[in-house]
Amino acid sequence: SVLLTVSDFIKPGKKAEKEATFKDAGLIGLAQGIAILPGLSRS
């Protein structure tokens, strides 16, 4: 619930395939790993 509330206040970015960095990808993968916890929405 907290994460979803925060997401609505994040200013929209412009990164897509070309602009995204491998650091971004690693951190997002880390978030996905933590989201295996039951109740923490993966999406």
All heavy atoms as atom14 arrays in JSON, in Angstrom:
{
  "sequence": "SVLLTVSDFIKPGKKAEKEATFKDAGLIGLAQGIAILPGLSRS",
  "atom14_mask": [
    [1, 1, 1, 1, 1, 1, 0, 0, 0, 0, 0, 0, 0, 0],
    [1, 1, 1, 1, 1, 1, 1, 0, 0, 0, 0, 0, 0, 0],
    [1, 1, 1, 1, 1, 1, 1, 1, 0, 0, 0, 0, 0, 0],
    [1, 1, 1, 1, 1, 1, 1, 1, 0, 0, 0, 0, 0, 0],
    [1, 1, 1, 1, 1, 1, 1, 0, 0, 0, 0, 0, 0, 0],
    [1, 1, 1, 1, 1, 1, 1, 0, 0, 0, 0, 0, 0, 0],
    [1, 1, 1, 1, 1, 1, 0, 0, 0, 0, 0, 0, 0, 0],
    [1, 1, 1, 1, 1, 1, 1, 1, 0, 0, 0, 0, 0, 0],
    [1, 1, 1, 1, 1, 1, 1, 1, 1, 1, 1, 0, 0, 0],
    [1, 1, 1, 1, 1, 1, 1, 1, 0, 0, 0, 0, 0, 0],
    [1, 1, 1, 1, 1, 1, 1, 1, 1, 0, 0, 0, 0, 0],
    [1, 1, 1, 1, 1, 1, 1, 0, 0, 0, 0, 0, 0, 0],
    [1, 1, 1, 1, 0, 0, 0, 0, 0, 0, 0, 0, 0, 0],
    [1, 1, 1, 1, 1, 1, 1, 1, 1, 0, 0, 0, 0, 0],
    [1, 1, 1, 1, 1, 1, 1, 1, 1, 0, 0, 0, 0, 0],
    [1, 1, 1, 1, 1, 0, 0, 0, 0, 0, 0, 0, 0, 0],
    [1, 1, 1, 1, 1, 1, 1, 1, 1, 0, 0, 0, 0, 0],
    [1, 1, 1, 1, 1, 1, 1, 1, 1, 0, 0, 0, 0, 0],
    [1, 1, 1, 1, 1, 1, 1, 1, 1, 0, 0, 0, 0, 0],
    [1, 1, 1, 1, 1, 0, 0, 0, 0, 0, 0, 0, 0, 0],
    [1, 1, 1, 1, 1, 1, 1, 0, 0, 0, 0, 0, 0, 0],
    [1, 1, 1, 1, 1, 1, 1, 1, 1, 1, 1, 0, 0, 0],
    [1, 1, 1, 1, 1, 1, 1, 1, 1, 0, 0, 0, 0, 0],
    [1, 1, 1, 1, 1, 1, 1, 1, 0, 0, 0, 0, 0, 0],
    [1, 1, 1, 1, 1, 0, 0, 0, 0, 0, 0, 0, 0, 0],
    [1, 1, 1, 1, 0, 0, 0, 0, 0, 0, 0, 0, 0, 0],
    [1, 1, 1, 1, 1, 1, 1, 1, 0, 0, 0, 0, 0, 0],
    [1, 1, 1, 1, 1, 1, 1, 1, 0, 0, 0, 0, 0, 0],
    [1, 1, 1, 1, 0, 0, 0, 0, 0, 0, 0, 0, 0, 0],
    [1, 1, 1, 1, 1, 1, 1, 1, 0, 0, 0, 0, 0, 0],
    [1, 1, 1, 1, 1, 0, 0, 0, 0, 0, 0, 0, 0, 0],
    [1, 1, 1, 1, 1, 1, 1, 1, 1, 0, 0, 0, 0, 0],
    [1, 1, 1, 1, 0, 0, 0, 0, 0, 0, 0, 0, 0, 0],
    [1, 1, 1, 1, 1, 1, 1, 1, 0, 0, 0, 0, 0, 0],
    [1, 1, 1, 1, 1, 0, 0, 0, 0, 0, 0, 0, 0, 0],
    [1, 1, 1, 1, 1, 1, 1, 1, 0, 0, 0, 0, 0, 0],
    [1, 1, 1, 1, 1, 1, 1, 1, 0, 0, 0, 0, 0, 0],
    [1, 1, 1, 1, 1, 1, 1, 0, 0, 0, 0, 0, 0, 0],
    [1, 1, 1, 1, 0, 0, 0, 0, 0, 0, 0, 0, 0, 0],
    [1, 1, 1, 1, 1, 1, 1, 1, 0, 0, 0, 0, 0, 0],
    [1, 1, 1, 1, 1, 1, 0, 0, 0, 0, 0, 0, 0, 0],
    [1, 1, 1, 1, 1, 1, 1, 1, 1, 1, 1, 0, 0, 0],
    [1, 1, 1, 1, 1, 1, 0, 0, 0, 0, 0, 0, 0, 0]
  ],
  "atom14_positions": [
    [[0.83, -1.21, 0.0], [0.0, 0.0, 0.0], [0.86, 1.26, 0.0], [0.6, 2.22, -0.74], [-0.91, 0.0, 1.23], [-1.62, 1.22, 1.33], [0.0, 0.0, 0.0], [0.0, 0.0, 0.0], [0.0, 0.0, 0.0], [0.0, 0.0, 0.0], [0.0, 0.0, 0.0], [0.0, 0.0, 0.0], [0.0, 0.0, 0.0], [0.0, 0.0, 0.0]],
    [[1.92, 1.23, 0.82], [2.83, 2.38, 0.88], [3.54, 2.59, -0.46], [3.63, 3.72, -0.96], [3.87, 2.18, 2.01], [4.92, 3.28, 1.97], [3.19, 2.14, 3.37], [0.0, 0.0, 0.0], [0.0, 0.0, 0.0], [0.0, 0.0, 0.0], [0.0, 0.0, 0.0], [0.0, 0.0, 0.0], [0.0, 0.0, 0.0], [0.0, 0.0, 0.0]],
    [[4.02, 1.49, -1.05], [4.72, 1.59, -2.33], [3.81, 2.13, -3.43], [4.23, 2.98, -4.23], [5.25, 0.2, -2.74], [6.44, -0.33, -1.96], [6.73, -1.78, -2.37], [7.68, 0.54, -2.23], [0.0, 0.0, 0.0], [0.0, 0.0, 0.0], [0.0, 0.0, 0.0], [0.0, 0.0, 0.0], [0.0, 0.0, 0.0], [0.0, 0.0, 0.0]],
    [[2.58, 1.67, -3.46], [1.64, 2.13, -4.49], [1.31, 3.61, -4.31], [1.17, 4.35, -5.29], [0.37, 1.29, -4.45], [0.52, -0.18, -4.82], [-0.81, -0.91, -4.67], [1.06, -0.33, -6.24], [0.0, 0.0, 0.0], [0.0, 0.0, 0.0], [0.0, 0.0, 0.0], [0.0, 0.0, 0.0], [0.0, 0.0, 0.0], [0.0, 0.0, 0.0]],
    [[1.19, 4.04, -3.06], [0.93, 5.45, -2.79], [2.1, 6.31, -3.26], [1.91, 7.36, -3.9], [0.7, 5.67, -1.28], [-0.41, 4.89, -0.85], [0.42, 7.14, -0.99], [0.0, 0.0, 0.0], [0.0, 0.0, 0.0], [0.0, 0.0, 0.0], [0.0, 0.0, 0.0], [0.0, 0.0, 0.0], [0.0, 0.0, 0.0], [0.0, 0.0, 0.0]],
    [[3.3, 5.83, -2.98], [4.51, 6.55, -3.4], [4.59, 6.62, -4.92], [4.95, 7.66, -5.49], [5.77, 5.86, -2.83], [7.03, 6.43, -3.48], [5.84, 6.03, -1.33], [0.0, 0.0, 0.0], [0.0, 0.0, 0.0], [0.0, 0.0, 0.0], [0.0, 0.0, 0.0], [0.0, 0.0, 0.0], [0.0, 0.0, 0.0], [0.0, 0.0, 0.0]],
    [[4.22, 5.53, -5.6], [4.36, 5.48, -7.06], [3.52, 6.55, -7.76], [3.9, 7.06, -8.82], [3.97, 4.09, -7.58], [2.57, 3.87, -7.47], [0.0, 0.0, 0.0], [0.0, 0.0, 0.0], [0.0, 0.0, 0.0], [0.0, 0.0, 0.0], [0.0, 0.0, 0.0], [0.0, 0.0, 0.0], [0.0, 0.0, 0.0], [0.0, 0.0, 0.0]],
    [[2.37, 6.88, -7.19], [1.52, 7.9, -7.8], [2.1, 9.31, -7.69], [1.67, 10.21, -8.4], [0.12, 7.88, -7.16], [-0.79, 6.84, -7.79], [-0.43, 6.31, -8.85], [-1.86, 6.55, -7.21], [0.0, 0.0, 0.0], [0.0, 0.0, 0.0], [0.0, 0.0, 0.0], [0.0, 0.0, 0.0], [0.0, 0.0, 0.0], [0.0, 0.0, 0.0]],
    [[3.07, 9.49, -6.79], [3.67, 10.81, -6.6], [5.03, 10.95, -7.28], [5.62, 12.03, -7.28], [3.81, 11.13, -5.1], [2.51, 11.38, -4.41], [1.83, 10.36, -3.75], [1.93, 12.65, -4.44], [0.63, 10.59, -3.12], [0.72, 12.88, -3.81], [0.07, 11.86, -3.15], [0.0, 0.0, 0.0], [0.0, 0.0, 0.0], [0.0, 0.0, 0.0]],
    [[5.51, 9.87, -7.86], [6.8, 9.93, -8.56], [6.62, 10.62, -9.9], [5.72, 10.28, -10.68], [7.37, 8.51, -8.77], [7.66, 7.85, -7.42], [8.66, 8.58, -9.61], [8.14, 6.42, -7.54], [0.0, 0.0, 0.0], [0.0, 0.0, 0.0], [0.0, 0.0, 0.0], [0.0, 0.0, 0.0], [0.0, 0.0, 0.0], [0.0, 0.0, 0.0]],
    [[7.45, 11.6, -10.17], [7.37, 12.31, -11.44], [7.72, 11.37, -12.59], [8.66, 10.58, -12.49], [8.34, 13.5, -11.45], [7.95, 14.61, -10.48], [8.91, 15.79, -10.58], [8.51, 16.9, -9.63], [9.46, 18.05, -9.69], [0.0, 0.0, 0.0], [0.0, 0.0, 0.0], [0.0, 0.0, 0.0], [0.0, 0.0, 0.0], [0.0, 0.0, 0.0]],
    [[6.97, 11.42, -13.69], [7.22, 10.51, -14.8], [8.59, 10.72, -15.42], [9.03, 11.86, -15.61], [6.11, 10.85, -15.81], [5.67, 12.24, -15.45], [5.84, 12.34, -13.97], [0.0, 0.0, 0.0], [0.0, 0.0, 0.0], [0.0, 0.0, 0.0], [0.0, 0.0, 0.0], [0.0, 0.0, 0.0], [0.0, 0.0, 0.0], [0.0, 0.0, 0.0]],
    [[9.29, 9.64, -15.69], [10.59, 9.71, -16.32], [10.48, 9.47, -17.81], [9.38, 9.34, -18.35], [0.0, 0.0, 0.0], [0.0, 0.0, 0.0], [0.0, 0.0, 0.0], [0.0, 0.0, 0.0], [0.0, 0.0, 0.0], [0.0, 0.0, 0.0], [0.0, 0.0, 0.0], [0.0, 0.0, 0.0], [0.0, 0.0, 0.0], [0.0, 0.0, 0.0]],
    [[11.62, 9.39, -18.48], [11.62, 9.22, -19.93], [12.47, 8.03, -20.38], [12.66, 7.81, -21.57], [12.13, 10.49, -20.6], [11.26, 11.72, -20.36], [11.81, 12.94, -21.07], [10.9, 14.16, -20.84], [11.44, 15.38, -21.53], [0.0, 0.0, 0.0], [0.0, 0.0, 0.0], [0.0, 0.0, 0.0], [0.0, 0.0, 0.0], [0.0, 0.0, 0.0]],
    [[12.97, 7.26, -19.41], [13.84, 6.15, -19.77], [13.06, 5.02, -20.43], [11.99, 4.63, -19.96], [14.55, 5.59, -18.54], [15.65, 6.48, -17.97], [16.34, 5.79, -16.8], [17.42, 6.66, -16.2], [18.06, 5.99, -15.03], [0.0, 0.0, 0.0], [0.0, 0.0, 0.0], [0.0, 0.0, 0.0], [0.0, 0.0, 0.0], [0.0, 0.0, 0.0]],
    [[13.62, 4.5, -21.53], [13.1, 3.29, -22.17], [14.29, 2.37, -22.43], [15.28, 2.43, -21.7], [12.35, 3.63, -23.45], [0.0, 0.0, 0.0], [0.0, 0.0, 0.0], [0.0, 0.0, 0.0], [0.0, 0.0, 0.0], [0.0, 0.0, 0.0], [0.0, 0.0, 0.0], [0.0, 0.0, 0.0], [0.0, 0.0, 0.0], [0.0, 0.0, 0.0]],
    [[14.2, 1.54, -23.46], [15.28, 0.58, -23.7], [16.64, 1.24, -23.85], [17.64, 0.78, -23.29], [14.98, -0.25, -24.97], [13.72, -1.09, -24.89], [12.53, -0.38, -25.49], [12.49, 0.87, -25.4], [11.64, -1.06, -26.04], [0.0, 0.0, 0.0], [0.0, 0.0, 0.0], [0.0, 0.0, 0.0], [0.0, 0.0, 0.0], [0.0, 0.0, 0.0]],
    [[16.7, 2.33, -24.61], [17.99, 2.95, -24.92], [18.6, 3.67, -23.73], [19.82, 3.7, -23.57], [17.84, 3.92, -26.1], [17.53, 3.24, -27.43], [17.45, 4.27, -28.54], [17.18, 3.62, -29.89], [17.09, 4.62, -30.98], [0.0, 0.0, 0.0], [0.0, 0.0, 0.0], [0.0, 0.0, 0.0], [0.0, 0.0, 0.0], [0.0, 0.0, 0.0]],
    [[17.75, 4.27, -22.9], [18.26, 5.12, -21.81], [18.49, 4.37, -20.5], [19.28, 4.81, -19.67], [17.28, 6.27, -21.56], [17.08, 7.22, -22.75], [16.1, 6.69, -23.76], [15.37, 5.73, -23.43], [16.07, 7.23, -24.89], [0.0, 0.0, 0.0], [0.0, 0.0, 0.0], [0.0, 0.0, 0.0], [0.0, 0.0, 0.0], [0.0, 0.0, 0.0]],
    [[17.79, 3.26, -20.29], [17.91, 2.51, -19.04], [19.32, 1.95, -18.87], [19.93, 1.49, -19.84], [16.89, 1.37, -19.0], [0.0, 0.0, 0.0], [0.0, 0.0, 0.0], [0.0, 0.0, 0.0], [0.0, 0.0, 0.0], [0.0, 0.0, 0.0], [0.0, 0.0, 0.0], [0.0, 0.0, 0.0], [0.0, 0.0, 0.0], [0.0, 0.0, 0.0]],
    [[19.85, 2.0, -17.66], [21.2, 1.5, -17.4], [21.14, 0.11, -16.77], [20.09, -0.33, -16.27], [21.94, 2.45, -16.44], [21.31, 2.4, -15.14], [21.93, 3.87, -16.97], [0.0, 0.0, 0.0], [0.0, 0.0, 0.0], [0.0, 0.0, 0.0], [0.0, 0.0, 0.0], [0.0, 0.0, 0.0], [0.0, 0.0, 0.0], [0.0, 0.0, 0.0]],
    [[22.28, -0.56, -16.76], [22.34, -1.89, -16.16], [22.25, -1.79, -14.63], [21.8, -2.73, -13.98], [23.62, -2.61, -16.6], [23.63, -2.88, -18.09], [24.61, -2.33, -18.9], [22.66, -3.68, -18.66], [24.6, -2.57, -20.26], [22.65, -3.93, -20.02], [23.62, -3.37, -20.83], [0.0, 0.0, 0.0], [0.0, 0.0, 0.0], [0.0, 0.0, 0.0]],
    [[22.64, -0.65, -14.08], [22.44, -0.42, -12.64], [20.95, -0.38, -12.33], [20.5, -0.97, -11.33], [23.12, 0.88, -12.22], [22.95, 1.19, -10.73], [23.61, 2.51, -10.36], [23.39, 2.83, -8.88], [24.02, 4.12, -8.5], [0.0, 0.0, 0.0], [0.0, 0.0, 0.0], [0.0, 0.0, 0.0], [0.0, 0.0, 0.0], [0.0, 0.0, 0.0]],
    [[20.18, 0.33, -13.2], [18.73, 0.35, -13.04], [18.18, -1.07, -13.03], [17.39, -1.45, -12.16], [18.07, 1.12, -14.2], [18.44, 2.59, -14.21], [18.75, 3.14, -13.15], [18.43, 3.18, -15.31], [0.0, 0.0, 0.0], [0.0, 0.0, 0.0], [0.0, 0.0, 0.0], [0.0, 0.0, 0.0], [0.0, 0.0, 0.0], [0.0, 0.0, 0.0]],
    [[18.6, -1.87, -14.0], [18.11, -3.23, -14.15], [18.43, -4.08, -12.92], [17.6, -4.86, -12.45], [18.7, -3.87, -15.4], [0.0, 0.0, 0.0], [0.0, 0.0, 0.0], [0.0, 0.0, 0.0], [0.0, 0.0, 0.0], [0.0, 0.0, 0.0], [0.0, 0.0, 0.0], [0.0, 0.0, 0.0], [0.0, 0.0, 0.0], [0.0, 0.0, 0.0]],
    [[19.64, -3.93, -12.4], [20.04, -4.69, -11.22], [19.2, -4.35, -10.0], [18.77, -5.23, -9.25], [0.0, 0.0, 0.0], [0.0, 0.0, 0.0], [0.0, 0.0, 0.0], [0.0, 0.0, 0.0], [0.0, 0.0, 0.0], [0.0, 0.0, 0.0], [0.0, 0.0, 0.0], [0.0, 0.0, 0.0], [0.0, 0.0, 0.0], [0.0, 0.0, 0.0]],
    [[18.94, -3.05, -9.79], [18.15, -2.62, -8.64], [16.7, -3.07, -8.77], [16.06, -3.47, -7.78], [18.22, -1.1, -8.5], [19.58, -0.54, -8.09], [19.59, 0.99, -8.17], [19.95, -0.99, -6.68], [0.0, 0.0, 0.0], [0.0, 0.0, 0.0], [0.0, 0.0, 0.0], [0.0, 0.0, 0.0], [0.0, 0.0, 0.0], [0.0, 0.0, 0.0]],
    [[16.17, -3.03, -9.98], [14.79, -3.49, -10.2], [14.7, -5.0, -10.0], [13.72, -5.51, -9.44], [14.32, -3.09, -11.62], [14.23, -1.57, -11.72], [12.96, -3.72, -11.94], [14.1, -1.05, -13.13], [0.0, 0.0, 0.0], [0.0, 0.0, 0.0], [0.0, 0.0, 0.0], [0.0, 0.0, 0.0], [0.0, 0.0, 0.0], [0.0, 0.0, 0.0]],
    [[15.73, -5.73, -10.42], [15.77, -7.17, -10.17], [15.85, -7.48, -8.68], [15.25, -8.45, -8.21], [0.0, 0.0, 0.0], [0.0, 0.0, 0.0], [0.0, 0.0, 0.0], [0.0, 0.0, 0.0], [0.0, 0.0, 0.0], [0.0, 0.0, 0.0], [0.0, 0.0, 0.0], [0.0, 0.0, 0.0], [0.0, 0.0, 0.0], [0.0, 0.0, 0.0]],
    [[16.57, -6.66, -7.94], [16.64, -6.81, -6.48], [15.25, -6.61, -5.87], [14.84, -7.36, -4.97], [17.63, -5.79, -5.91], [17.87, -5.82, -4.41], [18.52, -7.13, -3.99], [18.77, -4.64, -4.0], [0.0, 0.0, 0.0], [0.0, 0.0, 0.0], [0.0, 0.0, 0.0], [0.0, 0.0, 0.0], [0.0, 0.0, 0.0], [0.0, 0.0, 0.0]],
    [[14.53, -5.61, -6.36], [13.17, -5.36, -5.88], [12.26, -6.55, -6.18], [11.43, -6.94, -5.34], [12.62, -4.09, -6.53], [0.0, 0.0, 0.0], [0.0, 0.0, 0.0], [0.0, 0.0, 0.0], [0.0, 0.0, 0.0], [0.0, 0.0, 0.0], [0.0, 0.0, 0.0], [0.0, 0.0, 0.0], [0.0, 0.0, 0.0], [0.0, 0.0, 0.0]],
    [[12.42, -7.13, -7.36], [11.6, -8.29, -7.72], [11.91, -9.48, -6.81], [11.0, -10.23, -6.42], [11.83, -8.69, -9.18], [11.02, -9.9, -9.61], [11.12, -10.17, -11.09], [10.13, -10.11, -11.81], [12.3, -10.48, -11.57], [0.0, 0.0, 0.0], [0.0, 0.0, 0.0], [0.0, 0.0, 0.0], [0.0, 0.0, 0.0], [0.0, 0.0, 0.0]],
    [[13.18, -9.65, -6.46], [13.55, -10.73, -5.56], [12.93, -10.57, -4.19], [12.4, -11.53, -3.61], [0.0, 0.0, 0.0], [0.0, 0.0, 0.0], [0.0, 0.0, 0.0], [0.0, 0.0, 0.0], [0.0, 0.0, 0.0], [0.0, 0.0, 0.0], [0.0, 0.0, 0.0], [0.0, 0.0, 0.0], [0.0, 0.0, 0.0], [0.0, 0.0, 0.0]],
    [[12.94, -9.36, -3.65], [12.35, -9.09, -2.34], [10.84, -9.3, -2.38], [10.23, -9.75, -1.4], [12.69, -7.66, -1.88], [14.2, -7.51, -1.7], [11.95, -7.3, -0.6], [14.65, -6.09, -1.45], [0.0, 0.0, 0.0], [0.0, 0.0, 0.0], [0.0, 0.0, 0.0], [0.0, 0.0, 0.0], [0.0, 0.0, 0.0], [0.0, 0.0, 0.0]],
    [[10.23, -9.03, -3.55], [8.78, -9.14, -3.69], [8.29, -10.58, -3.71], [7.08, -10.82, -3.81], [8.32, -8.43, -4.97], [0.0, 0.0, 0.0], [0.0, 0.0, 0.0], [0.0, 0.0, 0.0], [0.0, 0.0, 0.0], [0.0, 0.0, 0.0], [0.0, 0.0, 0.0], [0.0, 0.0, 0.0], [0.0, 0.0, 0.0], [0.0, 0.0, 0.0]],
    [[9.2, -11.55, -3.58], [8.77, -12.95, -3.42], [8.06, -13.12, -2.08], [7.26, -14.04, -1.89], [9.98, -13.91, -3.53], [10.62, -13.78, -4.92], [9.55, -15.36, -3.32], [11.89, -14.59, -5.07], [0.0, 0.0, 0.0], [0.0, 0.0, 0.0], [0.0, 0.0, 0.0], [0.0, 0.0, 0.0], [0.0, 0.0, 0.0], [0.0, 0.0, 0.0]],
    [[8.33, -12.23, -1.13], [7.64, -12.27, 0.16], [6.13, -12.23, -0.06], [5.63, -11.4, -0.82], [8.06, -11.08, 1.03], [9.37, -11.21, 1.8], [9.8, -9.85, 2.32], [9.22, -12.21, 2.95], [0.0, 0.0, 0.0], [0.0, 0.0, 0.0], [0.0, 0.0, 0.0], [0.0, 0.0, 0.0], [0.0, 0.0, 0.0], [0.0, 0.0, 0.0]],
    [[5.38, -13.12, 0.6], [3.92, -13.14, 0.43], [3.29, -11.84, 0.92], [3.55, -11.39, 2.02], [3.49, -14.33, 1.29], [4.58, -14.48, 2.3], [5.84, -14.12, 1.59], [0.0, 0.0, 0.0], [0.0, 0.0, 0.0], [0.0, 0.0, 0.0], [0.0, 0.0, 0.0], [0.0, 0.0, 0.0], [0.0, 0.0, 0.0], [0.0, 0.0, 0.0]],
    [[2.47, -11.25, 0.06], [1.81, -10.0, 0.41], [2.47, -8.79, -0.21], [1.86, -7.72, -0.31], [0.0, 0.0, 0.0], [0.0, 0.0, 0.0], [0.0, 0.0, 0.0], [0.0, 0.0, 0.0], [0.0, 0.0, 0.0], [0.0, 0.0, 0.0], [0.0, 0.0, 0.0], [0.0, 0.0, 0.0], [0.0, 0.0, 0.0], [0.0, 0.0, 0.0]],
    [[3.72, -8.93, -0.64], [4.42, -7.84, -1.3], [4.22, -8.01, -2.8], [4.77, -8.94, -3.41], [5.91, -7.87, -0.94], [6.72, -6.59, -1.19], [6.1, -5.4, -0.47], [8.16, -6.78, -0.75], [0.0, 0.0, 0.0], [0.0, 0.0, 0.0], [0.0, 0.0, 0.0], [0.0, 0.0, 0.0], [0.0, 0.0, 0.0], [0.0, 0.0, 0.0]],
    [[3.41, -7.16, -3.39], [3.05, -7.31, -4.8], [4.27, -7.22, -5.7], [5.02, -6.24, -5.64], [2.04, -6.23, -5.19], [1.89, -6.16, -6.59], [0.0, 0.0, 0.0], [0.0, 0.0, 0.0], [0.0, 0.0, 0.0], [0.0, 0.0, 0.0], [0.0, 0.0, 0.0], [0.0, 0.0, 0.0], [0.0, 0.0, 0.0], [0.0, 0.0, 0.0]],
    [[4.46, -8.24, -6.55], [5.6, -8.23, -7.47], [5.45, -7.1, -8.47], [6.38, -6.32, -8.69], [5.71, -9.57, -8.2], [7.03, -9.76, -8.97], [6.88, -10.68, -10.15], [6.01, -10.09, -11.15], [6.4, -9.18, -12.04], [7.65, -8.76, -12.06], [5.54, -8.68, -12.91], [0.0, 0.0, 0.0], [0.0, 0.0, 0.0], [0.0, 0.0, 0.0]],
    [[4.26, -7.0, -9.08], [4.07, -5.95, -10.09], [4.13, -4.57, -9.45], [4.75, -3.65, -10.0], [2.74, -6.15, -10.82], [1.65, -6.08, -9.92], [0.0, 0.0, 0.0], [0.0, 0.0, 0.0], [0.0, 0.0, 0.0], [0.0, 0.0, 0.0], [0.0, 0.0, 0.0], [0.0, 0.0, 0.0], [0.0, 0.0, 0.0], [0.0, 0.0, 0.0]]
  ]
}
